[in-house]
Amino acid sequence: MPEPDKSPDLEALDAKLKAAEERLRPPAPERPEISGWGLAGRIGVELTAAVGGGAFFGWLLDRWLGTGPVLMIVLFLLGGAAGVVNVNRAMTRLLNIRPPDDRTKT
């Protein structure tokens, strides 16, 4: 059985619905423009600052408390973990990747 042609009223309604969908659709997030050198510099600074800062504050606490290199090693490792988390967050934001828990929600 052939389908009947759309009436002009339905075509107008369809056009209005499509226009409303376009207005209500959120704009796509823009990717920041960053060069390869800029990205490499940012990753390097993130890791170096986190590891260096953790080791430095651990060294200061060790000198103040007289505990030896224990706190320096612990804060060095925590700084490294923080640096990896910061780099992961920056790359996720740069590549517009949603976190895994957001993928299950529709």
PDB file of N, CA and C in Angstrom:
ATOM      1  N   MET A   1       0.839  -1.161   0.000  1.00  0.00           N
ATOM      2  CA  MET A   1       0.000   0.000   0.000  1.00  0.00           C
ATOM      3  C   MET A   1       0.897   1.242   0.000  1.00  0.00           C
ATOM      4  N   PRO A   2       0.758   2.124  -0.963  1.00  0.00           N
ATOM      5  CA  PRO A   2       1.602   3.323  -1.004  1.00  0.00           C
ATOM      6  C   PRO A   2       1.251   4.282   0.136  1.00  0.00           C
ATOM      7  N   GLU A   3       2.280   4.973   0.599  1.00  0.00           N
ATOM      8  CA  GLU A   3       2.069   5.943   1.679  1.00  0.00           C
ATOM      9  C   GLU A   3       1.464   7.219   1.105  1.00  0.00           C
ATOM     10  N   PRO A   4       0.527   7.789   1.836  1.00  0.00           N
ATOM     11  CA  PRO A   4      -0.037   9.063   1.348  1.00  0.00           C
ATOM     12  C   PRO A   4       0.986  10.179   1.513  1.00  0.00           C
ATOM     13  N   ASP A   5       0.898  11.157   0.628  1.00  0.00           N
ATOM     14  CA  ASP A   5       1.797  12.311   0.713  1.00  0.00           C
ATOM     15  C   ASP A   5       1.520  13.087   1.991  1.00  0.00           C
ATOM     16  N   LYS A   6       2.588  13.732   2.510  1.00  0.00           N
ATOM     17  CA  LYS A   6       2.426  14.557   3.707  1.00  0.00           C
ATOM     18  C   LYS A   6       1.621  15.799   3.349  1.00  0.00           C
ATOM     19  N   SER A   7       0.757  16.148   4.243  1.00  0.00           N
ATOM     20  CA  SER A   7      -0.015  17.360   4.020  1.00  0.00           C
ATOM     21  C   SER A   7       0.883  18.567   4.315  1.00  0.00           C
ATOM     22  N   PRO A   8       0.555  19.720   3.813  1.00  0.00           N
ATOM     23  CA  PRO A   8       1.358  20.920   4.074  1.00  0.00           C
ATOM     24  C   PRO A   8       1.430  21.245   5.565  1.00  0.00           C
ATOM     25  N   ASP A   9       0.359  20.926   6.295  1.00  0.00           N
ATOM     26  CA  ASP A   9       0.365  21.194   7.732  1.00  0.00           C
ATOM     27  C   ASP A   9       1.417  20.341   8.435  1.00  0.00           C
ATOM     28  N   LEU A  10       1.518  19.078   8.049  1.00  0.00           N
ATOM     29  CA  LEU A  10       2.505  18.194   8.666  1.00  0.00           C
ATOM     30  C   LEU A  10       3.921  18.609   8.292  1.00  0.00           C
ATOM     31  N   GLU A  11       4.124  19.052   7.078  1.00  0.00           N
ATOM     32  CA  GLU A  11       5.457  19.507   6.674  1.00  0.00           C
ATOM     33  C   GLU A  11       5.858  20.755   7.451  1.00  0.00           C
ATOM     34  N   ALA A  12       4.929  21.674   7.668  1.00  0.00           N
ATOM     35  CA  ALA A  12       5.210  22.880   8.438  1.00  0.00           C
ATOM     36  C   ALA A  12       5.515  22.522   9.890  1.00  0.00           C
ATOM     37  N   LEU A  13       4.739  21.590  10.435  1.00  0.00           N
ATOM     38  CA  LEU A  13       4.981  21.154  11.807  1.00  0.00           C
ATOM     39  C   LEU A  13       6.343  20.472  11.920  1.00  0.00           C
ATOM     40  N   ASP A  14       6.692  19.658  10.949  1.00  0.00           N
ATOM     41  CA  ASP A  14       7.993  18.998  10.947  1.00  0.00           C
ATOM     42  C   ASP A  14       9.128  20.018  10.896  1.00  0.00           C
ATOM     43  N   ALA A  15       8.981  21.040  10.090  1.00  0.00           N
ATOM     44  CA  ALA A  15      10.005  22.085   9.999  1.00  0.00           C
ATOM     45  C   ALA A  15      10.123  22.839  11.318  1.00  0.00           C
ATOM     46  N   LYS A  16       8.985  23.119  11.961  1.00  0.00           N
ATOM     47  CA  LYS A  16       9.026  23.807  13.250  1.00  0.00           C
ATOM     48  C   LYS A  16       9.691  22.949  14.320  1.00  0.00           C
ATOM     49  N   LEU A  17       9.405  21.645  14.322  1.00  0.00           N
ATOM     50  CA  LEU A  17      10.033  20.750  15.292  1.00  0.00           C
ATOM     51  C   LEU A  17      11.547  20.681  15.095  1.00  0.00           C
ATOM     52  N   LYS A  18      11.979  20.603  13.857  1.00  0.00           N
ATOM     53  CA  LYS A  18      13.421  20.565  13.591  1.00  0.00           C
ATOM     54  C   LYS A  18      14.090  21.871  14.016  1.00  0.00           C
ATOM     55  N   ALA A  19      13.443  22.987  13.786  1.00  0.00           N
ATOM     56  CA  ALA A  19      14.007  24.279  14.200  1.00  0.00           C
ATOM     57  C   ALA A  19      14.091  24.368  15.719  1.00  0.00           C
ATOM     58  N   ALA A  20      13.063  23.867  16.410  1.00  0.00           N
ATOM     59  CA  ALA A  20      13.077  23.886  17.875  1.00  0.00           C
ATOM     60  C   ALA A  20      14.179  22.979  18.416  1.00  0.00           C
ATOM     61  N   GLU A  21      14.367  21.810  17.804  1.00  0.00           N
ATOM     62  CA  GLU A  21      15.442  20.906  18.230  1.00  0.00           C
ATOM     63  C   GLU A  21      16.806  21.565  18.069  1.00  0.00           C
ATOM     64  N   GLU A  22      17.005  22.288  16.990  1.00  0.00           N
ATOM     65  CA  GLU A  22      18.279  22.972  16.762  1.00  0.00           C
ATOM     66  C   GLU A  22      18.515  24.056  17.815  1.00  0.00           C
ATOM     67  N   ARG A  23      17.462  24.784  18.182  1.00  0.00           N
ATOM     68  CA  ARG A  23      17.612  25.829  19.197  1.00  0.00           C
ATOM     69  C   ARG A  23      17.881  25.251  20.573  1.00  0.00           C
ATOM     70  N   LEU A  24      17.285  24.118  20.892  1.00  0.00           N
ATOM     71  CA  LEU A  24      17.421  23.534  22.217  1.00  0.00           C
ATOM     72  C   LEU A  24      18.675  22.674  22.380  1.00  0.00           C
ATOM     73  N   ARG A  25      19.254  22.242  21.278  1.00  0.00           N
ATOM     74  CA  ARG A  25      20.446  21.395  21.357  1.00  0.00           C
ATOM     75  C   ARG A  25      21.612  22.227  21.891  1.00  0.00           C
ATOM     76  N   PRO A  26      22.289  21.719  22.943  1.00  0.00           N
ATOM     77  CA  PRO A  26      23.424  22.491  23.469  1.00  0.00           C
ATOM     78  C   PRO A  26      24.554  22.543  22.446  1.00  0.00           C
ATOM     79  N   PRO A  27      25.284  23.645  22.441  1.00  0.00           N
ATOM     80  CA  PRO A  27      26.384  23.748  21.473  1.00  0.00           C
ATOM     81  C   PRO A  27      27.480  22.730  21.804  1.00  0.00           C
ATOM     82  N   ALA A  28      28.122  22.247  20.779  1.00  0.00           N
ATOM     83  CA  ALA A  28      29.216  21.290  20.984  1.00  0.00           C
ATOM     84  C   ALA A  28      30.372  22.012  21.671  1.00  0.00           C
ATOM     85  N   PRO A  29      30.971  21.363  22.673  1.00  0.00           N
ATOM     86  CA  PRO A  29      32.102  22.023  23.346  1.00  0.00           C
ATOM     87  C   PRO A  29      33.273  22.186  22.380  1.00  0.00           C
ATOM     88  N   GLU A  30      33.900  23.332  22.474  1.00  0.00           N
ATOM     89  CA  GLU A  30      35.021  23.605  21.585  1.00  0.00           C
ATOM     90  C   GLU A  30      36.295  23.046  22.179  1.00  0.00           C
ATOM     91  N   ARG A  31      37.101  22.477  21.336  1.00  0.00           N
ATOM     92  CA  ARG A  31      38.399  21.985  21.784  1.00  0.00           C
ATOM     93  C   ARG A  31      39.377  23.149  21.807  1.00  0.00           C
ATOM     94  N   PRO A  32      40.107  23.276  22.890  1.00  0.00           N
ATOM     95  CA  PRO A  32      41.089  24.360  22.913  1.00  0.00           C
ATOM     96  C   PRO A  32      42.208  24.071  21.923  1.00  0.00           C
ATOM     97  N   GLU A  33      42.632  25.108  21.258  1.00  0.00           N
ATOM     98  CA  GLU A  33      43.734  24.957  20.310  1.00  0.00           C
ATOM     99  C   GLU A  33      45.039  24.945  21.095  1.00  0.00           C
ATOM    100  N   ILE A  34      45.791  23.869  20.989  1.00  0.00           N
ATOM    101  CA  ILE A  34      47.065  23.761  21.686  1.00  0.00           C
ATOM    102  C   ILE A  34      48.022  23.020  20.766  1.00  0.00           C
ATOM    103  N   SER A  35      49.246  23.516  20.714  1.00  0.00           N
ATOM    104  CA  SER A  35      50.235  22.898  19.850  1.00  0.00           C
ATOM    105  C   SER A  35      50.841  21.686  20.557  1.00  0.00           C
ATOM    106  N   GLY A  36      51.583  20.907  19.811  1.00  0.00           N
ATOM    107  CA  GLY A  36      52.257  19.747  20.390  1.00  0.00           C
ATOM    108  C   GLY A  36      53.262  20.148  21.452  1.00  0.00           C
ATOM    109  N   TRP A  37      53.987  21.237  21.194  1.00  0.00           N
ATOM    110  CA  TRP A  37      54.967  21.712  22.177  1.00  0.00           C
ATOM    111  C   TRP A  37      54.278  22.235  23.428  1.00  0.00           C
ATOM    112  N   GLY A  38      53.162  22.903  23.243  1.00  0.00           N
ATOM    113  CA  GLY A  38      52.417  23.402  24.398  1.00  0.00           C
ATOM    114  C   GLY A  38      51.894  22.273  25.260  1.00  0.00           C
ATOM    115  N   LEU A  39      51.399  21.223  24.607  1.00  0.00           N
ATOM    116  CA  LEU A  39      50.898  20.066  25.343  1.00  0.00           C
ATOM    117  C   LEU A  39      52.028  19.351  26.075  1.00  0.00           C
ATOM    118  N   ALA A  40      53.160  19.174  25.406  1.00  0.00           N
ATOM    119  CA  ALA A  40      54.307  18.527  26.046  1.00  0.00           C
ATOM    120  C   ALA A  40      54.809  19.358  27.227  1.00  0.00           C
ATOM    121  N   GLY A  41      54.835  20.666  27.065  1.00  0.00           N
ATOM    122  CA  GLY A  41      55.259  21.534  28.162  1.00  0.00           C
ATOM    123  C   GLY A  41      54.310  21.463  29.342  1.00  0.00           C
ATOM    124  N   ARG A  42      53.025  21.428  29.055  1.00  0.00           N
ATOM    125  CA  ARG A  42      52.053  21.354  30.142  1.00  0.00           C
ATOM    126  C   ARG A  42      52.183  20.033  30.904  1.00  0.00           C
ATOM    127  N   ILE A  43      52.324  18.934  30.182  1.00  0.00           N
ATOM    128  CA  ILE A  43      52.471  17.633  30.842  1.00  0.00           C
ATOM    129  C   ILE A  43      53.740  17.614  31.678  1.00  0.00           C
ATOM    130  N   GLY A  44      54.815  18.142  31.120  1.00  0.00           N
ATOM    131  CA  GLY A  44      56.073  18.176  31.866  1.00  0.00           C
ATOM    132  C   GLY A  44      55.984  19.009  33.132  1.00  0.00           C
ATOM    133  N   VAL A  45      55.356  20.165  33.028  1.00  0.00           N
ATOM    134  CA  VAL A  45      55.220  21.034  34.198  1.00  0.00           C
ATOM    135  C   VAL A  45      54.313  20.398  35.244  1.00  0.00           C
ATOM    136  N   GLU A  46      53.220  19.780  34.805  1.00  0.00           N
ATOM    137  CA  GLU A  46      52.306  19.130  35.752  1.00  0.00           C
ATOM    138  C   GLU A  46      53.028  18.053  36.548  1.00  0.00           C
ATOM    139  N   LEU A  47      53.754  17.188  35.857  1.00  0.00           N
ATOM    140  CA  LEU A  47      54.440  16.094  36.551  1.00  0.00           C
ATOM    141  C   LEU A  47      55.579  16.601  37.421  1.00  0.00           C
ATOM    142  N   THR A  48      56.381  17.507  36.882  1.00  0.00           N
ATOM    143  CA  THR A  48      57.533  18.006  37.634  1.00  0.00           C
ATOM    144  C   THR A  48      57.100  18.761  38.885  1.00  0.00           C
ATOM    145  N   ALA A  49      56.084  19.596  38.758  1.00  0.00           N
ATOM    146  CA  ALA A  49      55.626  20.373  39.910  1.00  0.00           C
ATOM    147  C   ALA A  49      55.065  19.468  40.996  1.00  0.00           C
ATOM    148  N   ALA A  50      54.303  18.468  40.606  1.00  0.00           N
ATOM    149  CA  ALA A  50      53.705  17.584  41.604  1.00  0.00           C
ATOM    150  C   ALA A  50      54.768  16.746  42.311  1.00  0.00           C
ATOM    151  N   VAL A  51      55.660  16.141  41.540  1.00  0.00           N
ATOM    152  CA  VAL A  51      56.702  15.295  42.139  1.00  0.00           C
ATOM    153  C   VAL A  51      57.682  16.146  42.937  1.00  0.00           C
ATOM    154  N   GLY A  52      58.140  17.240  42.356  1.00  0.00           N
ATOM    155  CA  GLY A  52      59.096  18.109  43.038  1.00  0.00           C
ATOM    156  C   GLY A  52      58.511  18.746  44.292  1.00  0.00           C
ATOM    157  N   GLY A  53      57.263  19.184  44.197  1.00  0.00           N
ATOM    158  CA  GLY A  53      56.608  19.777  45.354  1.00  0.00           C
ATOM    159  C   GLY A  53      56.428  18.771  46.482  1.00  0.00           C
ATOM    160  N   GLY A  54      56.018  17.564  46.139  1.00  0.00           N
ATOM    161  CA  GLY A  54      55.865  16.530  47.160  1.00  0.00           C
ATOM    162  C   GLY A  54      57.180  16.179  47.821  1.00  0.00           C
ATOM    163  N   ALA A  55      58.227  16.021  47.029  1.00  0.00           N
ATOM    164  CA  ALA A  55      59.540  15.690  47.593  1.00  0.00           C
ATOM    165  C   ALA A  55      60.070  16.838  48.455  1.00  0.00           C
ATOM    166  N   PHE A  56      59.891  18.072  48.008  1.00  0.00           N
ATOM    167  CA  PHE A  56      60.386  19.210  48.766  1.00  0.00           C
ATOM    168  C   PHE A  56      59.676  19.334  50.118  1.00  0.00           C
ATOM    169  N   PHE A  57      58.340  19.243  50.105  1.00  0.00           N
ATOM    170  CA  PHE A  57      57.618  19.349  51.366  1.00  0.00           C
ATOM    171  C   PHE A  57      57.901  18.162  52.277  1.00  0.00           C
ATOM    172  N   GLY A  58      58.113  16.990  51.706  1.00  0.00           N
ATOM    173  CA  GLY A  58      58.514  15.835  52.508  1.00  0.00           C
ATOM    174  C   GLY A  58      59.868  16.051  53.148  1.00  0.00           C
ATOM    175  N   TRP A  59      60.800  16.624  52.396  1.00  0.00           N
ATOM    176  CA  TRP A  59      62.136  16.927  52.934  1.00  0.00           C
ATOM    177  C   TRP A  59      62.042  17.944  54.070  1.00  0.00           C
ATOM    178  N   LEU A  60      61.212  18.996  53.860  1.00  0.00           N
ATOM    179  CA  LEU A  60      61.029  19.996  54.919  1.00  0.00           C
ATOM    180  C   LEU A  60      60.442  19.368  56.187  1.00  0.00           C
ATOM    181  N   LEU A  61      59.432  18.535  56.013  1.00  0.00           N
ATOM    182  CA  LEU A  61      58.833  17.896  57.187  1.00  0.00           C
ATOM    183  C   LEU A  61      59.820  16.944  57.869  1.00  0.00           C
ATOM    184  N   ASP A  62      60.620  16.238  57.086  1.00  0.00           N
ATOM    185  CA  ASP A  62      61.627  15.349  57.676  1.00  0.00           C
ATOM    186  C   ASP A  62      62.647  16.133  58.487  1.00  0.00           C
ATOM    187  N   ARG A  63      63.086  17.260  57.975  1.00  0.00           N
ATOM    188  CA  ARG A  63      64.051  18.079  58.726  1.00  0.00           C
ATOM    189  C   ARG A  63      63.419  18.634  59.993  1.00  0.00           C
ATOM    190  N   TRP A  64      62.178  19.061  59.909  1.00  0.00           N
ATOM    191  CA  TRP A  64      61.489  19.649  61.052  1.00  0.00           C
ATOM    192  C   TRP A  64      61.212  18.606  62.138  1.00  0.00           C
ATOM    193  N   LEU A  65      60.781  17.405  61.702  1.00  0.00           N
ATOM    194  CA  LEU A  65      60.440  16.357  62.660  1.00  0.00           C
ATOM    195  C   LEU A  65      61.608  15.427  62.979  1.00  0.00           C
ATOM    196  N   GLY A  66      62.677  15.500  62.194  1.00  0.00           N
ATOM    197  CA  GLY A  66      63.830  14.629  62.397  1.00  0.00           C
ATOM    198  C   GLY A  66      63.529  13.168  62.140  1.00  0.00           C
ATOM    199  N   THR A  67      62.763  12.880  61.110  1.00  0.00           N
ATOM    200  CA  THR A  67      62.343  11.504  60.831  1.00  0.00           C
ATOM    201  C   THR A  67      63.142  10.823  59.734  1.00  0.00           C
ATOM    202  N   GLY A  68      64.125  11.459  59.173  1.00  0.00           N
ATOM    203  CA  GLY A  68      64.872  10.825  58.086  1.00  0.00           C
ATOM    204  C   GLY A  68      64.117  10.972  56.779  1.00  0.00           C
ATOM    205  N   PRO A  69      64.416  10.169  55.783  1.00  0.00           N
ATOM    206  CA  PRO A  69      63.794  10.364  54.463  1.00  0.00           C
ATOM    207  C   PRO A  69      62.417   9.722  54.314  1.00  0.00           C
ATOM    208  N   VAL A  70      61.770   9.337  55.417  1.00  0.00           N
ATOM    209  CA  VAL A  70      60.503   8.619  55.322  1.00  0.00           C
ATOM    210  C   VAL A  70      59.411   9.490  54.693  1.00  0.00           C
ATOM    211  N   LEU A  71      59.203  10.676  55.226  1.00  0.00           N
ATOM    212  CA  LEU A  71      58.147  11.540  54.705  1.00  0.00           C
ATOM    213  C   LEU A  71      58.468  12.046  53.299  1.00  0.00           C
ATOM    214  N   MET A  72      59.734  12.239  52.997  1.00  0.00           N
ATOM    215  CA  MET A  72      60.111  12.669  51.656  1.00  0.00           C
ATOM    216  C   MET A  72      59.731  11.599  50.634  1.00  0.00           C
ATOM    217  N   ILE A  73      59.979  10.338  50.961  1.00  0.00           N
ATOM    218  CA  ILE A  73      59.648   9.251  50.034  1.00  0.00           C
ATOM    219  C   ILE A  73      58.131   9.134  49.880  1.00  0.00           C
ATOM    220  N   VAL A  74      57.413   9.219  50.993  1.00  0.00           N
ATOM    221  CA  VAL A  74      55.949   9.101  50.934  1.00  0.00           C
ATOM    222  C   VAL A  74      55.355  10.245  50.120  1.00  0.00           C
ATOM    223  N   LEU A  75      55.757  11.466  50.397  1.00  0.00           N
ATOM    224  CA  LEU A  75      55.204  12.607  49.664  1.00  0.00           C
ATOM    225  C   LEU A  75      55.691  12.651  48.211  1.00  0.00           C
ATOM    226  N   PHE A  76      56.883  12.108  47.949  1.00  0.00           N
ATOM    227  CA  PHE A  76      57.355  11.977  46.567  1.00  0.00           C
ATOM    228  C   PHE A  76      56.401  11.073  45.787  1.00  0.00           C
ATOM    229  N   LEU A  77      56.025   9.946  46.380  1.00  0.00           N
ATOM    230  CA  LEU A  77      55.113   9.014  45.700  1.00  0.00           C
ATOM    231  C   LEU A  77      53.715   9.611  45.557  1.00  0.00           C
ATOM    232  N   LEU A  78      53.238  10.289  46.591  1.00  0.00           N
ATOM    233  CA  LEU A  78      51.933  10.942  46.493  1.00  0.00           C
ATOM    234  C   LEU A  78      51.935  12.052  45.443  1.00  0.00           C
ATOM    235  N   GLY A  79      53.046  12.784  45.363  1.00  0.00           N
ATOM    236  CA  GLY A  79      53.161  13.821  44.341  1.00  0.00           C
ATOM    237  C   GLY A  79      53.149  13.228  42.938  1.00  0.00           C
ATOM    238  N   GLY A  80      53.816  12.088  42.769  1.00  0.00           N
ATOM    239  CA  GLY A  80      53.796  11.417  41.469  1.00  0.00           C
ATOM    240  C   GLY A  80      52.393  10.976  41.084  1.00  0.00           C
ATOM    241  N   ALA A  81      51.658  10.430  42.063  1.00  0.00           N
ATOM    242  CA  ALA A  81      50.275  10.023  41.789  1.00  0.00           C
ATOM    243  C   ALA A  81      49.412  11.233  41.450  1.00  0.00           C
ATOM    244  N   ALA A  82      49.604  12.330  42.181  1.00  0.00           N
ATOM    245  CA  ALA A  82      48.841  13.545  41.897  1.00  0.00           C
ATOM    246  C   ALA A  82      49.180  14.092  40.513  1.00  0.00           C
ATOM    247  N   GLY A  83      50.446  14.016  40.125  1.00  0.00           N
ATOM    248  CA  GLY A  83      50.837  14.474  38.800  1.00  0.00           C
ATOM    249  C   GLY A  83      50.194  13.657  37.695  1.00  0.00           C
ATOM    250  N   VAL A  84      50.119  12.350  37.872  1.00  0.00           N
ATOM    251  CA  VAL A  84      49.482  11.486  36.868  1.00  0.00           C
ATOM    252  C   VAL A  84      47.993  11.796  36.786  1.00  0.00           C
ATOM    253  N   VAL A  85      47.350  12.013  37.928  1.00  0.00           N
ATOM    254  CA  VAL A  85      45.923  12.354  37.927  1.00  0.00           C
ATOM    255  C   VAL A  85      45.699  13.693  37.221  1.00  0.00           C
ATOM    256  N   ASN A  86      46.563  14.678  37.476  1.00  0.00           N
ATOM    257  CA  ASN A  86      46.416  15.982  36.812  1.00  0.00           C
ATOM    258  C   ASN A  86      46.614  15.880  35.310  1.00  0.00           C
ATOM    259  N   VAL A  87      47.585  15.090  34.880  1.00  0.00           N
ATOM    260  CA  VAL A  87      47.810  14.912  33.440  1.00  0.00           C
ATOM    261  C   VAL A  87      46.611  14.204  32.815  1.00  0.00           C
ATOM    262  N   ASN A  88      46.092  13.189  33.497  1.00  0.00           N
ATOM    263  CA  ASN A  88      44.914  12.481  32.983  1.00  0.00           C
ATOM    264  C   ASN A  88      43.721  13.426  32.870  1.00  0.00           C
ATOM    265  N   ARG A  89      43.521  14.267  33.866  1.00  0.00           N
ATOM    266  CA  ARG A  89      42.412  15.226  33.838  1.00  0.00           C
ATOM    267  C   ARG A  89      42.594  16.224  32.691  1.00  0.00           C
ATOM    268  N   ALA A  90      43.810  16.697  32.498  1.00  0.00           N
ATOM    269  CA  ALA A  90      44.060  17.657  31.415  1.00  0.00           C
ATOM    270  C   ALA A  90      43.835  17.022  30.047  1.00  0.00           C
ATOM    271  N   MET A  91      44.292  15.792  29.872  1.00  0.00           N
ATOM    272  CA  MET A  91      44.119  15.123  28.586  1.00  0.00           C
ATOM    273  C   MET A  91      42.652  14.785  28.330  1.00  0.00           C
ATOM    274  N   THR A  92      41.940  14.395  29.378  1.00  0.00           N
ATOM    275  CA  THR A  92      40.518  14.101  29.236  1.00  0.00           C
ATOM    276  C   THR A  92      39.763  15.346  28.808  1.00  0.00           C
ATOM    277  N   ARG A  93      40.080  16.473  29.428  1.00  0.00           N
ATOM    278  CA  ARG A  93      39.430  17.729  29.071  1.00  0.00           C
ATOM    279  C   ARG A  93      39.813  18.146  27.650  1.00  0.00           C
ATOM    280  N   LEU A  94      41.061  17.936  27.276  1.00  0.00           N
ATOM    281  CA  LEU A  94      41.522  18.329  25.954  1.00  0.00           C
ATOM    282  C   LEU A  94      40.853  17.508  24.862  1.00  0.00           C
ATOM    283  N   LEU A  95      40.699  16.223  25.093  1.00  0.00           N
ATOM    284  CA  LEU A  95      40.130  15.339  24.084  1.00  0.00           C
ATOM    285  C   LEU A  95      38.620  15.201  24.189  1.00  0.00           C
ATOM    286  N   ASN A  96      38.001  15.928  25.141  1.00  0.00           N
ATOM    287  CA  ASN A  96      36.544  15.880  25.353  1.00  0.00           C
ATOM    288  C   ASN A  96      36.044  14.463  25.570  1.00  0.00           C
ATOM    289  N   ILE A  97      36.749  13.714  26.403  1.00  0.00           N
ATOM    290  CA  ILE A  97      36.335  12.356  26.732  1.00  0.00           C
ATOM    291  C   ILE A  97      35.525  12.420  28.011  1.00  0.00           C
ATOM    292  N   ARG A  98      34.373  11.765  27.989  1.00  0.00           N
ATOM    293  CA  ARG A  98      33.561  11.733  29.192  1.00  0.00           C
ATOM    294  C   ARG A  98      34.115  10.687  30.151  1.00  0.00           C
ATOM    295  N   PRO A  99      34.022  10.937  31.459  1.00  0.00           N
ATOM    296  CA  PRO A  99      34.424   9.910  32.418  1.00  0.00           C
ATOM    297  C   PRO A  99      33.577   8.660  32.262  1.00  0.00           C
ATOM    298  N   PRO A 100      34.094   7.493  32.658  1.00  0.00           N
ATOM    299  CA  PRO A 100      33.355   6.240  32.458  1.00  0.00           C
ATOM    300  C   PRO A 100      31.967   6.219  33.086  1.00  0.00           C
ATOM    301  N   ASP A 101      31.764   6.865  34.250  1.00  0.00           N
ATOM    302  CA  ASP A 101      30.450   6.816  34.891  1.00  0.00           C
ATOM    303  C   ASP A 101      29.408   7.595  34.110  1.00  0.00           C
ATOM    304  N   ASP A 102      29.809   8.571  33.282  1.00  0.00           N
ATOM    305  CA  ASP A 102      28.840   9.340  32.491  1.00  0.00           C
ATOM    306  C   ASP A 102      28.401   8.593  31.243  1.00  0.00           C
ATOM    307  N   ARG A 103      29.138   7.604  30.799  1.00  0.00           N
ATOM    308  CA  ARG A 103      28.791   6.882  29.584  1.00  0.00           C
ATOM    309  C   ARG A 103      27.570   6.013  29.779  1.00  0.00           C
ATOM    310  N   THR A 104      27.306   5.560  31.000  1.00  0.00           N
ATOM    311  CA  THR A 104      26.172   4.679  31.237  1.00  0.00           C
ATOM    312  C   THR A 104      24.866   5.452  31.316  1.00  0.00           C
ATOM    313  N   LYS A 105      24.925   6.749  31.629  1.00  0.00           N
ATOM    314  CA  LYS A 105      23.719   7.565  31.728  1.00  0.00           C
ATOM    315  C   LYS A 105      23.309   8.041  30.348  1.00  0.00           C
ATOM    316  N   THR A 106      22.040   7.927  30.045  1.00  0.00           N
ATOM    317  CA  THR A 106      21.554   8.408  28.746  1.00  0.00           C
ATOM    318  C   THR A 106      20.456   9.403  28.914  1.00  0.00           C
TER     319      THR A 106
END
